[in-house]
């Protein structure tokens, strides 16, 4: 059952993929210091292409899945109105709890080495009824069965 779900989710992702870009850095390149804990610590602008017409809301997860202490969630947000961009230093949706137990963007701040930061955007067929104390795992569970497209932008920081 789980394997079939993974295959179906992969097919949906491949067939209905969003393109996520940033005006601040290219996919797989370094995130400018301005967007990290060592500077202004604000979110970069994200551009979203190929958003399905039936999108009711969007969700976003920014995480570092290879942090030395396990996954670190930097930004969790849902009920973002469908749009072609999320502006720099903005929070157009409900911000949930990141791994620092804060309801805000927390930029890259690696303790050592080069880390990869994933900006994942999800197009949903509904709005989500979640408390702002919810984190990534609760958001992922609430999105089950409601993701109509998704895409990802990766950035590096050292």
Protein backbone atom coordinates (compact mmCIF):
# COMPACT_ATOMS: atom_id res chain seq x y z
CA UNK A 1 0.00 0.00 0.00
CA UNK A 2 2.75 2.46 0.92
CA UNK A 3 4.75 1.60 -2.20
CA UNK A 4 1.71 2.24 -4.42
CA UNK A 5 1.16 5.61 -2.70
CA UNK A 6 4.77 6.58 -3.36
CA UNK A 7 4.46 5.59 -7.02
CA UNK A 8 1.20 7.54 -7.40
CA UNK A 9 2.68 10.60 -5.63
CA UNK A 10 5.75 10.41 -7.89
CA UNK A 11 3.55 10.21 -11.00
CA UNK A 12 1.48 13.20 -9.89
CA UNK A 13 4.64 15.17 -9.12
CA UNK A 14 6.11 14.36 -12.53
CA UNK A 15 2.89 15.04 -14.43
CA UNK A 16 1.83 18.16 -12.54
CA UNK A 17 5.12 19.69 -11.46
CA UNK A 18 5.43 23.30 -10.47
CA UNK A 19 8.55 25.20 -11.38
CA UNK A 20 9.98 27.03 -8.38
CA UNK A 21 12.68 29.65 -8.96
CA UNK A 22 14.17 32.57 -7.10
CA UNK A 23 15.32 35.98 -8.23
CA UNK A 24 18.09 35.70 -5.61
CA UNK A 25 19.80 32.44 -6.69
CA UNK A 26 19.54 29.68 -9.28
CA UNK A 27 18.54 26.11 -8.46
CA UNK A 28 21.49 24.27 -6.93
CA UNK A 29 23.51 27.46 -6.37
CA UNK A 30 24.47 29.33 -3.22
CA UNK A 31 21.90 31.36 -1.31
CA UNK A 32 23.12 34.95 -0.78
CA UNK A 33 24.12 35.82 2.80
CA UNK A 34 21.30 38.39 2.99
CA UNK A 35 18.81 35.51 3.40
CA UNK A 36 20.72 33.75 6.21
CA UNK A 37 21.03 34.04 9.98
CA UNK A 38 24.31 35.90 9.44
CA UNK A 39 22.62 38.92 7.87
CA UNK A 40 19.02 40.18 7.38
CA UNK A 41 17.54 36.66 7.81
CA UNK A 42 14.65 37.37 5.43
CA UNK A 43 13.16 35.01 2.88
CA UNK A 44 14.18 35.31 -0.76
CA UNK A 45 11.58 35.98 -3.44
CA UNK A 46 10.19 32.76 -4.90
CA UNK A 47 8.63 32.55 -8.36
CA UNK A 48 6.06 29.81 -9.02
CA UNK A 49 5.30 28.72 -12.58
CA UNK A 50 2.80 26.19 -13.96
CA UNK A 51 0.33 26.64 -11.10
CA UNK A 52 -2.83 24.65 -11.94
CA UNK A 53 -5.94 26.77 -12.52
CA UNK A 54 -7.87 24.81 -9.86
CA UNK A 55 -5.40 25.67 -7.08
CA UNK A 56 -7.27 26.85 -3.98
CA UNK A 57 -4.21 27.49 -1.80
CA UNK A 58 -0.50 26.80 -1.62
CA UNK A 59 1.79 25.49 1.11
CA UNK A 60 5.53 25.86 1.55
CA UNK A 61 8.16 23.93 3.46
CA UNK A 62 11.79 25.00 3.62
CA UNK A 63 14.04 22.44 5.23
CA UNK A 64 17.56 21.10 5.54
CA UNK A 65 17.14 17.33 5.43
CA UNK A 66 20.82 16.58 6.10
CA UNK A 67 21.34 18.62 9.24
CA UNK A 68 23.72 16.92 11.73
CA UNK A 69 20.86 16.57 14.23
CA UNK A 70 18.35 15.25 11.69
CA UNK A 71 15.98 17.31 9.57
CA UNK A 72 15.76 21.01 10.41
CA UNK A 73 12.64 22.87 9.31
CA UNK A 74 13.37 26.52 8.52
CA UNK A 75 9.97 27.68 7.28
CA UNK A 76 6.49 26.15 7.30
CA UNK A 77 3.54 28.00 5.78
CA UNK A 78 0.07 27.17 4.41
CA UNK A 79 -3.10 28.83 3.08
CA UNK A 80 -0.99 30.96 0.76
CA UNK A 81 -3.27 32.48 -1.91
CA UNK A 82 -2.51 31.09 -5.39
CA UNK A 83 0.05 33.43 -6.93
CA UNK A 84 3.04 33.45 -9.23
CA UNK A 85 5.36 34.65 -6.48
CA UNK A 86 6.05 34.84 -2.79
CA UNK A 87 7.73 38.18 -2.27
CA UNK A 88 11.00 38.80 -0.49
CA UNK A 89 10.58 39.32 3.27
CA UNK A 90 6.90 38.33 3.16
CA UNK A 91 4.59 35.77 4.74
CA UNK A 92 1.40 35.63 2.64
CA UNK A 93 0.01 32.60 4.49
CA UNK A 94 -0.24 31.13 7.97
CA UNK A 95 3.23 30.46 9.33
CA UNK A 96 3.62 27.30 11.37
CA UNK A 97 6.37 26.26 13.75
CA UNK A 98 9.87 25.76 12.46
CA UNK A 99 12.45 23.60 14.26
CA UNK A 100 13.41 26.62 16.39
CA UNK A 101 9.79 26.65 17.69
CA UNK A 102 9.20 29.98 15.97
CA UNK A 103 6.44 30.94 13.54
CA UNK A 104 8.64 32.60 10.97
CA UNK A 105 11.31 32.16 8.35
CA UNK A 106 14.64 31.14 9.82
CA UNK A 107 17.35 31.38 7.18
CA UNK A 108 20.25 29.02 6.60
CA UNK A 109 22.60 28.85 9.56
CA UNK A 110 24.66 25.68 9.20
CA UNK A 111 26.95 24.68 12.06
CA UNK A 112 29.50 23.26 9.63
CA UNK A 113 30.12 22.49 5.97
CA UNK A 114 27.85 23.00 2.98
CA UNK A 115 24.16 22.37 3.55
CA UNK A 116 21.31 22.04 1.04
CA UNK A 117 18.09 23.94 1.67
CA UNK A 118 14.89 22.77 -0.02
CA UNK A 119 12.12 25.25 -0.80
CA UNK A 120 9.13 22.99 -1.53
CA UNK A 121 5.91 24.52 -2.83
CA UNK A 122 2.62 22.61 -2.99
CA UNK A 123 -0.53 23.54 -4.93
CA UNK A 124 -3.58 22.31 -2.99
CA UNK A 125 -7.22 21.81 -3.87
CA UNK A 126 -8.35 23.18 -0.49
CA UNK A 127 -7.50 25.51 2.37
CA UNK A 128 -6.16 23.82 5.49
CA UNK A 129 -7.64 24.12 8.96
CA UNK A 130 -4.50 23.97 11.12
CA UNK A 131 -3.42 25.76 14.27
CA UNK A 132 -0.36 27.98 13.95
CA UNK A 133 1.33 25.71 16.50
CA UNK A 134 1.49 23.04 13.77
CA UNK A 135 4.81 22.07 12.25
CA UNK A 136 5.96 20.29 9.12
CA UNK A 137 4.73 16.81 10.02
CA UNK A 138 1.22 18.04 10.81
CA UNK A 139 1.19 20.05 7.58
CA UNK A 140 2.30 17.05 5.52
CA UNK A 141 -0.45 14.90 7.03
CA UNK A 142 -3.08 17.61 6.38
CA UNK A 143 -1.99 17.91 2.74
CA UNK A 144 -2.46 14.19 2.04
CA UNK A 145 -4.94 13.75 -0.79
CA UNK A 146 -5.01 17.49 -1.54
CA UNK A 147 -1.74 18.04 -3.46
CA UNK A 148 -2.45 18.71 -7.13
CA UNK A 149 1.07 19.84 -8.03
CA UNK A 150 4.40 20.47 -6.35
CA UNK A 151 7.88 21.72 -7.10
CA UNK A 152 11.15 22.39 -5.39
CA UNK A 153 14.07 24.82 -5.46
CA UNK A 154 17.38 23.83 -3.86
CA UNK A 155 19.91 26.27 -2.51
CA UNK A 156 23.26 25.79 -0.84
CA UNK A 157 24.93 27.64 2.01
CA UNK A 158 28.20 27.24 3.89
